[in-house]
Protein backbone atom coordinates (compact mmCIF):
# COMPACT_ATOMS: atom_id res chain seq x y z
CA MET A 1 -13.83 7.38 -19.09
CA ILE A 2 -10.66 8.54 -18.16
CA LEU A 3 -9.95 5.57 -16.81
CA ASP A 4 -9.60 3.58 -19.82
CA SER A 5 -6.57 4.95 -21.01
CA PHE A 6 -5.27 4.13 -17.27
CA GLU A 7 -5.80 0.24 -17.73
CA LEU A 8 -3.50 -1.85 -15.64
CA LYS A 9 -5.68 -5.58 -15.80
CA GLY A 10 -3.27 -8.40 -15.22
CA LYS A 11 -0.96 -5.72 -12.60
CA ILE A 12 0.28 -5.86 -9.29
CA ALA A 13 0.51 -2.77 -7.16
CA LEU A 14 1.98 -3.19 -3.44
CA VAL A 15 0.98 0.07 -1.47
CA THR A 16 2.04 0.61 1.62
CA GLY A 17 -0.06 2.58 4.03
CA CYS A 18 -3.16 1.95 2.59
CA ASP A 19 -5.57 1.82 5.84
CA THR A 20 -6.74 5.25 5.51
CA GLY A 21 -6.33 8.90 3.25
CA LEU A 22 -4.00 9.01 0.67
CA GLY A 23 -2.91 5.56 0.39
CA GLN A 24 -6.51 4.11 1.10
CA GLY A 25 -7.18 6.37 -2.23
CA MET A 26 -4.46 5.09 -4.20
CA ALA A 27 -4.88 1.27 -3.32
CA ILE A 28 -8.45 1.99 -4.58
CA GLY A 29 -8.02 3.66 -7.57
CA LEU A 30 -5.27 1.00 -8.61
CA ALA A 31 -8.24 -1.53 -8.26
CA GLU A 32 -10.33 0.61 -10.24
CA ALA A 33 -7.51 0.76 -13.32
CA GLY A 34 -7.54 -3.31 -12.83
CA CYS A 35 -4.48 -3.56 -10.48
CA ASP A 36 -4.71 -6.26 -7.90
CA ILE A 37 -3.20 -4.78 -4.39
CA VAL A 38 -0.62 -5.86 -2.21
CA GLY A 39 -1.43 -4.16 1.11
CA VAL A 40 1.55 -3.41 3.74
CA ASN A 41 0.44 -1.76 7.04
CA ILE A 42 0.52 -1.91 10.92
CA VAL A 43 -2.70 -3.16 11.08
CA GLU A 44 -5.30 -4.70 8.55
CA PRO A 45 -7.20 -2.13 6.66
CA LYS A 46 -10.43 -3.79 6.65
CA GLU A 47 -11.94 -0.82 5.08
CA THR A 48 -9.62 -0.71 1.83
CA ILE A 49 -10.41 -4.50 1.70
CA GLU A 50 -13.62 -4.36 1.43
CA LYS A 51 -13.36 -1.59 -1.00
CA VAL A 52 -10.67 -3.45 -3.31
CA THR A 53 -13.01 -6.74 -3.07
CA ALA A 54 -15.84 -5.23 -4.01
CA LEU A 55 -14.23 -3.89 -7.18
CA GLY A 56 -13.89 -7.81 -8.45
CA ARG A 57 -9.92 -7.57 -7.32
CA ARG A 58 -7.70 -9.35 -5.18
CA PHE A 59 -6.28 -8.33 -1.81
CA LEU A 60 -3.53 -9.59 0.23
CA SER A 61 -3.14 -7.90 3.45
CA LEU A 62 0.32 -8.08 5.08
CA THR A 63 0.97 -6.50 8.56
CA ALA A 64 4.46 -5.10 8.98
CA ASP A 65 6.28 -2.06 11.10
CA LEU A 66 8.17 -0.80 8.06
CA SER A 67 10.29 1.39 10.51
CA LYS A 68 12.50 -2.20 10.91
CA ILE A 69 13.74 -2.93 7.74
CA ASP A 70 14.18 -7.04 8.68
CA GLY A 71 10.94 -8.25 7.98
CA ILE A 72 10.78 -6.44 4.59
CA PRO A 73 12.37 -9.52 2.38
CA ALA A 74 9.76 -11.78 4.16
CA LEU A 75 6.86 -9.70 3.02
CA LEU A 76 8.37 -9.64 -0.61
CA GLU A 77 8.58 -12.89 -1.03
CA ARG A 78 4.85 -13.62 0.38
CA ALA A 79 3.90 -11.16 -2.03
CA ILE A 80 5.67 -12.58 -4.87
CA ALA A 81 4.34 -16.51 -3.39
CA GLU A 82 1.07 -15.04 -3.79
CA PHE A 83 0.96 -13.04 -7.10
CA GLY A 84 4.03 -14.21 -8.78
CA GLN A 85 5.21 -10.20 -9.35
CA ILE A 86 5.00 -6.66 -8.29
CA ASP A 87 4.41 -4.35 -11.18
CA ILE A 88 3.74 -1.33 -9.22
CA LEU A 89 5.14 0.04 -6.01
CA VAL A 90 3.90 3.01 -3.82
CA ASN A 91 5.82 3.66 -0.84
CA ASN A 92 3.16 5.86 1.14
CA ALA A 93 3.28 4.57 4.49
CA GLY A 94 4.48 7.52 7.04
CA ILE A 95 3.87 9.30 10.15
CA ILE A 96 2.14 12.87 10.40
CA ARG A 97 3.79 14.52 12.84
CA ARG A 98 1.45 17.62 13.94
CA GLU A 99 4.01 20.08 15.72
CA ASP A 100 6.34 22.53 14.03
CA ALA A 101 9.25 21.28 11.97
CA ILE A 102 11.73 22.99 13.97
CA ASN A 103 11.13 20.63 16.92
CA PHE A 104 11.75 17.50 15.11
CA SER A 105 14.97 15.63 15.74
CA GLU A 106 17.58 15.03 13.05
CA ARG A 107 16.21 11.13 13.80
CA THR A 108 12.41 11.57 13.99
CA GLY A 109 12.50 13.70 11.52
CA MET A 110 13.68 11.13 9.23
CA MET A 111 10.87 8.55 10.60
């Protein structure tokens, strides 16, 4: 199988925005390759948790609004306390704006 060359057993991946879509797919793919997952989302990613744990992997769910940086150190401390390390970081969290980019202000375009 192709995942045999992508063996990540024993690694810890922190994936932001893994409730749906690409983030969920990346979290599940990393779990299939052997990673335990730390998921950081604005809501609890129930479906992602179910899919990852069904693969026999651990999932730590942390809730945060990543548009505010003041809570990030505590998130990292919690993840390290649980797993001892973070080997992979997937910065996927974001906002999809469904309008022409010309209508974005500089500030809203960066969020």
